[in-house]
């Protein structure tokens, strides 16, 4: 999750096609699910991915919820390094750690690889290079390496493709598949006068530093979009980049580190204390 801690508002197993429930029924996991509902959503999605891949002629083992959660939890995490240290060195870990390699072949930081599970990693590595390309086109779509675990962590399915997108589309609601989706509870928190004041201060301070963002949640999608444009949707290998492309990537990496450090400091010092207070008050007002 990026910026201010994300907490969702839309609850119940989303594949049931139910309308958004009242605040009293909301969970605090991704997309507003309770821990149990999140496990159910993960298991259902993984089963659908496995079935779709089988229809495409590939083997994919449905990953258990613990593995997907491990992939989600690997975001901005490296052994022996705090999140603050990670941000200082790698920003958000988007452009700064880009290689263009499929996530299954990543050897360093890769939440996507973690969330795919070791069995699927081994299956992928046993394929020929041509079949690996076809496999990931079936699993992730053309020009994307956004896996289910990563998309779930950032609460955005807009960039998913292939069997992953087909599966989540059967489990989550249509509006949650779009770029416009925003966590309703986050929106409630942002609407509080105290949070509006904190965000206004954040925006002014970011502007002074040369960054045109008014909320931390705006930054990572922007970095991902810039990187996608530069790398043909994440398909361009670092080793195949031209001199000009490498220079552009370095510029984006420098930008990512700088904006991440400034946003992290403001978020921790200014936004998070207010966000947590407002969030807790909202939950206390819920009917029991």
C-alpha atoms as a PDB file:
ATOM      1  CA  UNK A   1       0.000   0.000   0.000  1.00  0.00           C
ATOM      2  CA  UNK A   2       1.226   3.484  -0.757  1.00  0.00           C
ATOM      3  CA  UNK A   3       1.151   6.753   1.147  1.00  0.00           C
ATOM      4  CA  UNK A   4      -1.415   6.934   3.891  1.00  0.00           C
ATOM      5  CA  UNK A   5      -2.385   3.488   5.133  1.00  0.00           C
ATOM      6  CA  UNK A   6      -5.120   2.074   2.874  1.00  0.00           C
ATOM      7  CA  UNK A   7      -8.244   0.723   4.469  1.00  0.00           C
ATOM      8  CA  UNK A   8     -11.201  -0.278   2.329  1.00  0.00           C
ATOM      9  CA  UNK A   9     -14.968  -0.043   2.706  1.00  0.00           C
ATOM     10  CA  UNK A  10     -16.538  -2.551   0.300  1.00  0.00           C
ATOM     11  CA  UNK A  11     -17.170  -5.866   2.048  1.00  0.00           C
ATOM     12  CA  UNK A  12     -18.514  -9.427   1.562  1.00  0.00           C
ATOM     13  CA  UNK A  13     -17.278 -11.950  -1.008  1.00  0.00           C
ATOM     14  CA  UNK A  14     -17.383  -9.761  -4.085  1.00  0.00           C
ATOM     15  CA  UNK A  15     -18.089 -12.557  -6.547  1.00  0.00           C
ATOM     16  CA  UNK A  16     -21.507 -12.937  -4.921  1.00  0.00           C
ATOM     17  CA  UNK A  17     -22.655  -9.866  -6.852  1.00  0.00           C
ATOM     18  CA  UNK A  18     -24.074  -8.205  -3.751  1.00  0.00           C
ATOM     19  CA  UNK A  19     -24.537  -4.470  -3.422  1.00  0.00           C
ATOM     20  CA  UNK A  20     -22.098  -2.494  -1.304  1.00  0.00           C
ATOM     21  CA  UNK A  21     -23.091  -3.034   2.347  1.00  0.00           C
ATOM     22  CA  UNK A  22     -23.516  -0.463   5.058  1.00  0.00           C
ATOM     23  CA  UNK A  23     -20.584   0.840   7.079  1.00  0.00           C
ATOM     24  CA  UNK A  24     -21.338  -1.542   9.948  1.00  0.00           C
ATOM     25  CA  UNK A  25     -20.512  -4.493   7.697  1.00  0.00           C
ATOM     26  CA  UNK A  26     -17.246  -3.165   6.342  1.00  0.00           C
ATOM     27  CA  UNK A  27     -13.926  -4.914   6.752  1.00  0.00           C
ATOM     28  CA  UNK A  28     -10.517  -3.280   6.883  1.00  0.00           C
ATOM     29  CA  UNK A  29      -8.577  -5.497   4.486  1.00  0.00           C
ATOM     30  CA  UNK A  30      -8.034  -4.671   0.805  1.00  0.00           C
ATOM     31  CA  UNK A  31     -11.242  -3.673  -0.991  1.00  0.00           C
ATOM     32  CA  UNK A  32     -13.011  -3.584   2.371  1.00  0.00           C
ATOM     33  CA  UNK A  33     -12.997  -7.295   3.044  1.00  0.00           C
ATOM     34  CA  UNK A  34     -12.625  -8.963   6.401  1.00  0.00           C
ATOM     35  CA  UNK A  35      -9.650 -11.321   6.756  1.00  0.00           C
ATOM     36  CA  UNK A  36     -11.924 -14.297   6.072  1.00  0.00           C
ATOM     37  CA  UNK A  37     -13.472 -12.633   3.032  1.00  0.00           C
ATOM     38  CA  UNK A  38     -10.058 -11.745   1.678  1.00  0.00           C
ATOM     39  CA  UNK A  39      -8.951 -15.377   1.939  1.00  0.00           C
ATOM     40  CA  UNK A  40     -12.113 -16.463   0.120  1.00  0.00           C
ATOM     41  CA  UNK A  41     -11.554 -13.897  -2.638  1.00  0.00           C
ATOM     42  CA  UNK A  42      -7.931 -14.973  -3.078  1.00  0.00           C
ATOM     43  CA  UNK A  43      -8.796 -18.654  -3.238  1.00  0.00           C
ATOM     44  CA  UNK A  44     -11.624 -18.094  -5.715  1.00  0.00           C
ATOM     45  CA  UNK A  45      -9.473 -15.881  -7.955  1.00  0.00           C
ATOM     46  CA  UNK A  46      -6.583 -18.338  -7.931  1.00  0.00           C
ATOM     47  CA  UNK A  47      -8.896 -21.208  -8.867  1.00  0.00           C
ATOM     48  CA  UNK A  48     -10.214 -19.182 -11.800  1.00  0.00           C
ATOM     49  CA  UNK A  49      -6.690 -18.275 -12.940  1.00  0.00           C
ATOM     50  CA  UNK A  50      -5.708 -21.948 -12.853  1.00  0.00           C
ATOM     51  CA  UNK A  51      -8.766 -22.943 -14.880  1.00  0.00           C
ATOM     52  CA  UNK A  52      -8.171 -20.199 -17.445  1.00  0.00           C
ATOM     53  CA  UNK A  53      -4.515 -21.138 -17.853  1.00  0.00           C
ATOM     54  CA  UNK A  54      -5.494 -24.769 -18.361  1.00  0.00           C
ATOM     55  CA  UNK A  55      -7.800 -23.656 -21.158  1.00  0.00           C
ATOM     56  CA  UNK A  56      -4.853 -21.753 -22.661  1.00  0.00           C
ATOM     57  CA  UNK A  57      -2.767 -24.923 -22.627  1.00  0.00           C
ATOM     58  CA  UNK A  58      -0.572 -24.138 -19.619  1.00  0.00           C
ATOM     59  CA  UNK A  59      -0.247 -25.491 -16.113  1.00  0.00           C
ATOM     60  CA  UNK A  60      -0.756 -23.041 -13.265  1.00  0.00           C
ATOM     61  CA  UNK A  61      -1.152 -24.195  -9.675  1.00  0.00           C
ATOM     62  CA  UNK A  62      -3.717 -22.171  -7.721  1.00  0.00           C
ATOM     63  CA  UNK A  63      -1.746 -20.357  -5.017  1.00  0.00           C
ATOM     64  CA  UNK A  64      -2.890 -20.463  -1.397  1.00  0.00           C
ATOM     65  CA  UNK A  65      -3.891 -17.299   0.430  1.00  0.00           C
ATOM     66  CA  UNK A  66      -0.774 -17.270   2.617  1.00  0.00           C
ATOM     67  CA  UNK A  67       1.464 -17.135  -0.459  1.00  0.00           C
ATOM     68  CA  UNK A  68      -0.527 -14.310  -2.028  1.00  0.00           C
ATOM     69  CA  UNK A  69      -0.450 -12.425   1.274  1.00  0.00           C
ATOM     70  CA  UNK A  70       3.316 -12.958   1.408  1.00  0.00           C
ATOM     71  CA  UNK A  71       3.587 -11.342  -2.020  1.00  0.00           C
ATOM     72  CA  UNK A  72       1.459  -8.435  -0.848  1.00  0.00           C
ATOM     73  CA  UNK A  73       3.576  -8.061   2.276  1.00  0.00           C
ATOM     74  CA  UNK A  74       6.808  -8.058   0.285  1.00  0.00           C
ATOM     75  CA  UNK A  75       6.003  -4.619  -1.133  1.00  0.00           C
ATOM     76  CA  UNK A  76       8.785  -2.173  -0.139  1.00  0.00           C
ATOM     77  CA  UNK A  77      10.426  -4.833   1.998  1.00  0.00           C
ATOM     78  CA  UNK A  78      13.894  -6.324   1.877  1.00  0.00           C
ATOM     79  CA  UNK A  79      15.592  -8.406   4.589  1.00  0.00           C
ATOM     80  CA  UNK A  80      17.398  -6.285   7.143  1.00  0.00           C
ATOM     81  CA  UNK A  81      15.981  -3.030   5.767  1.00  0.00           C
ATOM     82  CA  UNK A  82      13.217  -0.886   7.255  1.00  0.00           C
ATOM     83  CA  UNK A  83      10.627   0.697   4.988  1.00  0.00           C
ATOM     84  CA  UNK A  84      12.264   4.081   5.532  1.00  0.00           C
ATOM     85  CA  UNK A  85      15.635   2.659   4.460  1.00  0.00           C
ATOM     86  CA  UNK A  86      14.022   0.959   1.467  1.00  0.00           C
ATOM     87  CA  UNK A  87      12.404   4.208   0.351  1.00  0.00           C
ATOM     88  CA  UNK A  88      15.664   6.124   0.710  1.00  0.00           C
ATOM     89  CA  UNK A  89      17.536   3.605  -1.418  1.00  0.00           C
ATOM     90  CA  UNK A  90      14.898   2.354  -3.845  1.00  0.00           C
ATOM     91  CA  UNK A  91      11.978   4.774  -3.711  1.00  0.00           C
ATOM     92  CA  UNK A  92       8.859   2.694  -4.304  1.00  0.00           C
ATOM     93  CA  UNK A  93      10.828  -0.122  -5.928  1.00  0.00           C
ATOM     94  CA  UNK A  94       9.148   0.487  -9.303  1.00  0.00           C
ATOM     95  CA  UNK A  95      11.520   2.093 -11.814  1.00  0.00           C
ATOM     96  CA  UNK A  96      14.503   1.847  -9.465  1.00  0.00           C
ATOM     97  CA  UNK A  97      14.491  -1.961  -9.511  1.00  0.00           C
ATOM     98  CA  UNK A  98      13.252  -2.469 -13.060  1.00  0.00           C
ATOM     99  CA  UNK A  99      14.957  -5.142 -15.168  1.00  0.00           C
ATOM    100  CA  UNK A 100      12.329  -6.114 -17.732  1.00  0.00           C
ATOM    101  CA  UNK A 101      12.724  -9.781 -16.777  1.00  0.00           C
ATOM    102  CA  UNK A 102       9.561 -11.827 -16.164  1.00  0.00           C
ATOM    103  CA  UNK A 103       8.771 -11.867 -12.433  1.00  0.00           C
ATOM    104  CA  UNK A 104       9.368 -15.640 -12.396  1.00  0.00           C
ATOM    105  CA  UNK A 105      13.007 -15.046 -13.355  1.00  0.00           C
ATOM    106  CA  UNK A 106      13.658 -12.210 -10.914  1.00  0.00           C
ATOM    107  CA  UNK A 107      16.512 -12.897  -8.517  1.00  0.00           C
ATOM    108  CA  UNK A 108      16.257  -9.889  -6.223  1.00  0.00           C
ATOM    109  CA  UNK A 109      13.361  -7.805  -4.941  1.00  0.00           C
ATOM    110  CA  UNK A 110      10.114  -9.019  -6.507  1.00  0.00           C
ATOM    111  CA  UNK A 111       6.762  -9.078  -4.671  1.00  0.00           C
ATOM    112  CA  UNK A 112       5.312 -10.444  -7.926  1.00  0.00           C
ATOM    113  CA  UNK A 113       7.579 -13.495  -7.817  1.00  0.00           C
ATOM    114  CA  UNK A 114       6.768 -14.151  -4.158  1.00  0.00           C
ATOM    115  CA  UNK A 115       3.020 -14.018  -4.802  1.00  0.00           C
ATOM    116  CA  UNK A 116       3.188 -16.493  -7.692  1.00  0.00           C
ATOM    117  CA  UNK A 117       4.460 -19.285  -5.461  1.00  0.00           C
ATOM    118  CA  UNK A 118       7.452 -21.575  -5.876  1.00  0.00           C
ATOM    119  CA  UNK A 119       5.582 -24.316  -7.747  1.00  0.00           C
ATOM    120  CA  UNK A 120       4.563 -21.909 -10.499  1.00  0.00           C
ATOM    121  CA  UNK A 121       8.080 -20.458 -10.599  1.00  0.00           C
ATOM    122  CA  UNK A 122       9.518 -23.892 -11.245  1.00  0.00           C
ATOM    123  CA  UNK A 123       6.918 -24.682 -13.893  1.00  0.00           C
ATOM    124  CA  UNK A 124       7.747 -21.441 -15.687  1.00  0.00           C
ATOM    125  CA  UNK A 125      11.489 -21.989 -15.545  1.00  0.00           C
ATOM    126  CA  UNK A 126      11.035 -25.390 -17.120  1.00  0.00           C
ATOM    127  CA  UNK A 127       9.580 -23.846 -20.281  1.00  0.00           C
ATOM    128  CA  UNK A 128      11.496 -22.808 -23.373  1.00  0.00           C
ATOM    129  CA  UNK A 129      12.048 -19.033 -23.809  1.00  0.00           C
ATOM    130  CA  UNK A 130       9.318 -18.906 -26.479  1.00  0.00           C
ATOM    131  CA  UNK A 131       6.870 -20.776 -24.258  1.00  0.00           C
ATOM    132  CA  UNK A 132       7.725 -18.498 -21.329  1.00  0.00           C
ATOM    133  CA  UNK A 133       6.667 -15.511 -23.411  1.00  0.00           C
ATOM    134  CA  UNK A 134       3.424 -17.263 -24.391  1.00  0.00           C
ATOM    135  CA  UNK A 135       2.815 -18.353 -20.791  1.00  0.00           C
ATOM    136  CA  UNK A 136       3.046 -14.843 -19.383  1.00  0.00           C
ATOM    137  CA  UNK A 137       0.974 -13.447 -22.223  1.00  0.00           C
ATOM    138  CA  UNK A 138      -1.733 -15.911 -21.198  1.00  0.00           C
ATOM    139  CA  UNK A 139      -1.297 -15.256 -17.466  1.00  0.00           C
ATOM    140  CA  UNK A 140      -0.689 -11.504 -17.413  1.00  0.00           C
ATOM    141  CA  UNK A 141      -1.648 -10.180 -20.824  1.00  0.00           C
ATOM    142  CA  UNK A 142       0.336  -8.259 -23.404  1.00  0.00           C
ATOM    143  CA  UNK A 143       2.688  -5.604 -22.104  1.00  0.00           C
ATOM    144  CA  UNK A 144       2.073  -6.116 -18.402  1.00  0.00           C
ATOM    145  CA  UNK A 145       3.691  -7.906 -15.491  1.00  0.00           C
ATOM    146  CA  UNK A 146       1.078  -6.918 -12.918  1.00  0.00           C
ATOM    147  CA  UNK A 147       0.335 -10.092 -10.982  1.00  0.00           C
ATOM    148  CA  UNK A 148      -2.713 -10.724  -8.827  1.00  0.00           C
ATOM    149  CA  UNK A 149      -0.836 -10.282  -5.543  1.00  0.00           C
ATOM    150  CA  UNK A 150       0.660  -6.945  -6.601  1.00  0.00           C
ATOM    151  CA  UNK A 151      -2.646  -5.650  -7.972  1.00  0.00           C
ATOM    152  CA  UNK A 152      -4.427  -6.682  -4.778  1.00  0.00           C
ATOM    153  CA  UNK A 153      -1.826  -4.935  -2.638  1.00  0.00           C
ATOM    154  CA  UNK A 154      -2.088  -1.645  -4.541  1.00  0.00           C
ATOM    155  CA  UNK A 155      -5.882  -2.030  -4.747  1.00  0.00           C
ATOM    156  CA  UNK A 156      -5.932  -1.540  -8.495  1.00  0.00           C
ATOM    157  CA  UNK A 157      -6.849  -4.131 -11.106  1.00  0.00           C
ATOM    158  CA  UNK A 158      -6.852  -1.570 -13.922  1.00  0.00           C
ATOM    159  CA  UNK A 159      -3.494  -2.763 -15.265  1.00  0.00           C
ATOM    160  CA  UNK A 160      -4.127  -6.491 -15.075  1.00  0.00           C
ATOM    161  CA  UNK A 161      -4.412  -8.660 -18.191  1.00  0.00           C
ATOM    162  CA  UNK A 162      -4.746 -12.204 -19.470  1.00  0.00           C
ATOM    163  CA  UNK A 163      -6.150 -14.900 -17.208  1.00  0.00           C
ATOM    164  CA  UNK A 164      -5.450 -12.746 -14.165  1.00  0.00           C
ATOM    165  CA  UNK A 165      -7.849 -10.071 -15.392  1.00  0.00           C
ATOM    166  CA  UNK A 166     -10.449 -12.625 -16.489  1.00  0.00           C
ATOM    167  CA  UNK A 167     -10.377 -14.128 -13.003  1.00  0.00           C
ATOM    168  CA  UNK A 168     -10.559 -10.926 -10.959  1.00  0.00           C
ATOM    169  CA  UNK A 169     -13.373  -9.692 -13.199  1.00  0.00           C
ATOM    170  CA  UNK A 170     -15.451 -12.642 -11.967  1.00  0.00           C
ATOM    171  CA  UNK A 171     -14.626 -12.012  -8.313  1.00  0.00           C
ATOM    172  CA  UNK A 172     -14.604  -8.227  -7.981  1.00  0.00           C
ATOM    173  CA  UNK A 173     -17.147  -5.652  -9.122  1.00  0.00           C
ATOM    174  CA  UNK A 174     -16.881  -3.807 -12.415  1.00  0.00           C
ATOM    175  CA  UNK A 175     -16.089  -0.432 -10.847  1.00  0.00           C
ATOM    176  CA  UNK A 176     -13.180  -1.972  -8.982  1.00  0.00           C
ATOM    177  CA  UNK A 177     -11.614  -2.952 -12.285  1.00  0.00           C
ATOM    178  CA  UNK A 178     -11.277   0.642 -13.483  1.00  0.00           C
ATOM    179  CA  UNK A 179      -8.582   3.261 -13.035  1.00  0.00           C
ATOM    180  CA  UNK A 180     -11.188   5.515 -11.403  1.00  0.00           C
ATOM    181  CA  UNK A 181     -11.773   3.189  -8.463  1.00  0.00           C
ATOM    182  CA  UNK A 182     -10.876   4.685  -5.109  1.00  0.00           C
ATOM    183  CA  UNK A 183     -11.344   3.094  -1.733  1.00  0.00           C
ATOM    184  CA  UNK A 184     -14.568   4.619  -0.301  1.00  0.00           C
ATOM    185  CA  UNK A 185     -13.346   4.648   3.289  1.00  0.00           C
ATOM    186  CA  UNK A 186     -10.175   6.439   2.178  1.00  0.00           C
ATOM    187  CA  UNK A 187     -12.466   8.975   0.510  1.00  0.00           C
ATOM    188  CA  UNK A 188     -14.400   9.393   3.757  1.00  0.00           C
ATOM    189  CA  UNK A 189     -11.185   9.944   5.674  1.00  0.00           C
ATOM    190  CA  UNK A 190      -9.941  12.447   3.090  1.00  0.00           C
ATOM    191  CA  UNK A 191     -13.207  14.399   3.368  1.00  0.00           C
ATOM    192  CA  UNK A 192     -12.731  15.060   7.082  1.00  0.00           C
ATOM    193  CA  UNK A 193     -11.778  18.732   7.671  1.00  0.00           C
ATOM    194  CA  UNK A 194      -8.684  17.733   9.647  1.00  0.00           C
ATOM    195  CA  UNK A 195      -7.502  15.485   6.847  1.00  0.00           C
ATOM    196  CA  UNK A 196      -8.271  18.117   4.226  1.00  0.00           C
ATOM    197  CA  UNK A 197      -6.073  20.555   6.120  1.00  0.00           C
ATOM    198  CA  UNK A 198      -3.283  17.995   6.431  1.00  0.00           C
ATOM    199  CA  UNK A 199      -3.495  17.168   2.721  1.00  0.00           C
ATOM    200  CA  UNK A 200      -3.433  20.838   1.807  1.00  0.00           C
ATOM    201  CA  UNK A 201      -0.219  21.212   3.788  1.00  0.00           C
ATOM    202  CA  UNK A 202       1.161  18.079   2.129  1.00  0.00           C
ATOM    203  CA  UNK A 203       0.379  19.468  -1.314  1.00  0.00           C
ATOM    204  CA  UNK A 204       2.037  22.806  -0.562  1.00  0.00           C
ATOM    205  CA  UNK A 205       5.163  21.146   0.776  1.00  0.00           C
ATOM    206  CA  UNK A 206       5.375  18.770  -2.180  1.00  0.00           C
ATOM    207  CA  UNK A 207       4.964  21.726  -4.526  1.00  0.00           C
ATOM    208  CA  UNK A 208       7.844  23.531  -2.803  1.00  0.00           C
ATOM    209  CA  UNK A 209       9.977  20.446  -3.443  1.00  0.00           C
ATOM    210  CA  UNK A 210       9.028  20.495  -7.129  1.00  0.00           C
ATOM    211  CA  UNK A 211       6.404  17.717  -7.109  1.00  0.00           C
ATOM    212  CA  UNK A 212       2.846  18.273  -8.297  1.00  0.00           C
ATOM    213  CA  UNK A 213       0.943  15.834  -6.085  1.00  0.00           C
ATOM    214  CA  UNK A 214      -1.793  16.568  -3.582  1.00  0.00           C
ATOM    215  CA  UNK A 215      -2.057  13.051  -2.108  1.00  0.00           C
ATOM    216  CA  UNK A 216       0.491  10.248  -1.714  1.00  0.00           C
ATOM    217  CA  UNK A 217      -1.857   7.803  -3.458  1.00  0.00           C
ATOM    218  CA  UNK A 218      -1.293   9.721  -6.708  1.00  0.00           C
ATOM    219  CA  UNK A 219       2.430   9.044  -6.901  1.00  0.00           C
ATOM    220  CA  UNK A 220       2.926   5.315  -7.463  1.00  0.00           C
ATOM    221  CA  UNK A 221       0.345   5.099 -10.286  1.00  0.00           C
ATOM    222  CA  UNK A 222       2.130   8.000 -11.971  1.00  0.00           C
ATOM    223  CA  UNK A 223       5.532   6.304 -11.656  1.00  0.00           C
ATOM    224  CA  UNK A 224       4.087   3.039 -13.001  1.00  0.00           C
ATOM    225  CA  UNK A 225       2.532   4.861 -15.962  1.00  0.00           C
ATOM    226  CA  UNK A 226       5.781   6.642 -16.790  1.00  0.00           C
ATOM    227  CA  UNK A 227       7.733   3.396 -16.560  1.00  0.00           C
ATOM    228  CA  UNK A 228       5.196   1.555 -18.707  1.00  0.00           C
ATOM    229  CA  UNK A 229       5.476   4.224 -21.397  1.00  0.00           C
ATOM    230  CA  UNK A 230       9.261   4.009 -21.338  1.00  0.00           C
ATOM    231  CA  UNK A 231       9.461   0.205 -21.405  1.00  0.00           C
ATOM    232  CA  UNK A 232       6.649  -0.821 -23.772  1.00  0.00           C
ATOM    233  CA  UNK A 233       4.444  -1.898 -20.910  1.00  0.00           C
ATOM    234  CA  UNK A 234       7.256  -3.544 -18.972  1.00  0.00           C
ATOM    235  CA  UNK A 235       8.378  -5.805 -21.813  1.00  0.00           C
ATOM    236  CA  UNK A 236      11.635  -4.033 -22.702  1.00  0.00           C
ATOM    237  CA  UNK A 237      14.648  -5.725 -21.151  1.00  0.00           C
ATOM    238  CA  UNK A 238      17.134  -3.467 -19.405  1.00  0.00           C
ATOM    239  CA  UNK A 239      19.903  -5.122 -21.423  1.00  0.00           C
ATOM    240  CA  UNK A 240      18.093  -4.240 -24.674  1.00  0.00           C
ATOM    241  CA  UNK A 241      17.613  -0.547 -23.912  1.00  0.00           C
ATOM    242  CA  UNK A 242      19.266   2.059 -26.065  1.00  0.00           C
ATOM    243  CA  UNK A 243      21.581   4.665 -24.571  1.00  0.00           C
ATOM    244  CA  UNK A 244      18.764   7.207 -24.674  1.00  0.00           C
ATOM    245  CA  UNK A 245      16.311   4.808 -23.023  1.00  0.00           C
ATOM    246  CA  UNK A 246      18.766   4.019 -20.254  1.00  0.00           C
ATOM    247  CA  UNK A 247      19.270   7.726 -19.651  1.00  0.00           C
ATOM    248  CA  UNK A 248      15.507   8.247 -19.447  1.00  0.00           C
ATOM    249  CA  UNK A 249      15.210   5.344 -17.029  1.00  0.00           C
ATOM    250  CA  UNK A 250      17.930   6.798 -14.794  1.00  0.00           C
ATOM    251  CA  UNK A 251      16.103  10.118 -14.757  1.00  0.00           C
ATOM    252  CA  UNK A 252      12.882   8.382 -13.752  1.00  0.00           C
ATOM    253  CA  UNK A 253      14.708   6.421 -11.055  1.00  0.00           C
ATOM    254  CA  UNK A 254      16.222   9.603  -9.616  1.00  0.00           C
ATOM    255  CA  UNK A 255      12.793  11.233  -9.692  1.00  0.00           C
ATOM    256  CA  UNK A 256      11.201   8.227  -7.990  1.00  0.00           C
ATOM    257  CA  UNK A 257      13.713   8.205  -5.156  1.00  0.00           C
ATOM    258  CA  UNK A 258      13.416  11.951  -4.586  1.00  0.00           C
ATOM    259  CA  UNK A 259       9.617  12.065  -4.589  1.00  0.00           C
ATOM    260  CA  UNK A 260       9.357   8.920  -2.459  1.00  0.00           C
ATOM    261  CA  UNK A 261      11.651  10.291   0.237  1.00  0.00           C
ATOM    262  CA  UNK A 262       9.820  13.608   0.433  1.00  0.00           C
ATOM    263  CA  UNK A 263       6.377  12.005   0.410  1.00  0.00           C
ATOM    264  CA  UNK A 264       7.349   9.385   2.988  1.00  0.00           C
ATOM    265  CA  UNK A 265       8.583  12.023   5.426  1.00  0.00           C
ATOM    266  CA  UNK A 266       5.468  14.180   5.052  1.00  0.00           C
ATOM    267  CA  UNK A 267       3.194  11.160   5.267  1.00  0.00           C
ATOM    268  CA  UNK A 268       4.757   9.850   8.453  1.00  0.00           C
ATOM    269  CA  UNK A 269       4.970  13.232  10.171  1.00  0.00           C
ATOM    270  CA  UNK A 270       1.785  14.931   8.978  1.00  0.00           C
ATOM    271  CA  UNK A 271      -0.752  12.632   7.326  1.00  0.00           C
ATOM    272  CA  UNK A 272      -0.614   9.305   9.142  1.00  0.00           C
ATOM    273  CA  UNK A 273      -1.366  10.643  12.668  1.00  0.00           C
ATOM    274  CA  UNK A 274      -4.435  12.493  11.371  1.00  0.00           C
ATOM    275  CA  UNK A 275      -5.538   9.617   9.112  1.00  0.00           C
ATOM    276  CA  UNK A 276      -5.354   7.093  11.931  1.00  0.00           C
ATOM    277  CA  UNK A 277      -7.315   9.336  14.293  1.00  0.00           C
ATOM    278  CA  UNK A 278     -10.074  10.009  11.753  1.00  0.00           C
ATOM    279  CA  UNK A 279     -10.226   6.362  10.696  1.00  0.00           C
ATOM    280  CA  UNK A 280     -10.583   5.160  14.288  1.00  0.00           C
ATOM    281  CA  UNK A 281     -13.359   7.681  14.928  1.00  0.00           C
ATOM    282  CA  UNK A 282     -15.241   6.497  11.852  1.00  0.00           C
ATOM    283  CA  UNK A 283     -15.065   2.890  12.987  1.00  0.00           C
ATOM    284  CA  UNK A 284     -16.229   3.798  16.505  1.00  0.00           C
ATOM    285  CA  UNK A 285     -19.332   5.435  15.040  1.00  0.00           C
ATOM    286  CA  UNK A 286     -20.397   2.218  13.330  1.00  0.00           C
ATOM    287  CA  UNK A 287     -23.492   0.549  14.797  1.00  0.00           C
ATOM    288  CA  UNK A 288     -22.506  -2.521  16.786  1.00  0.00           C
END
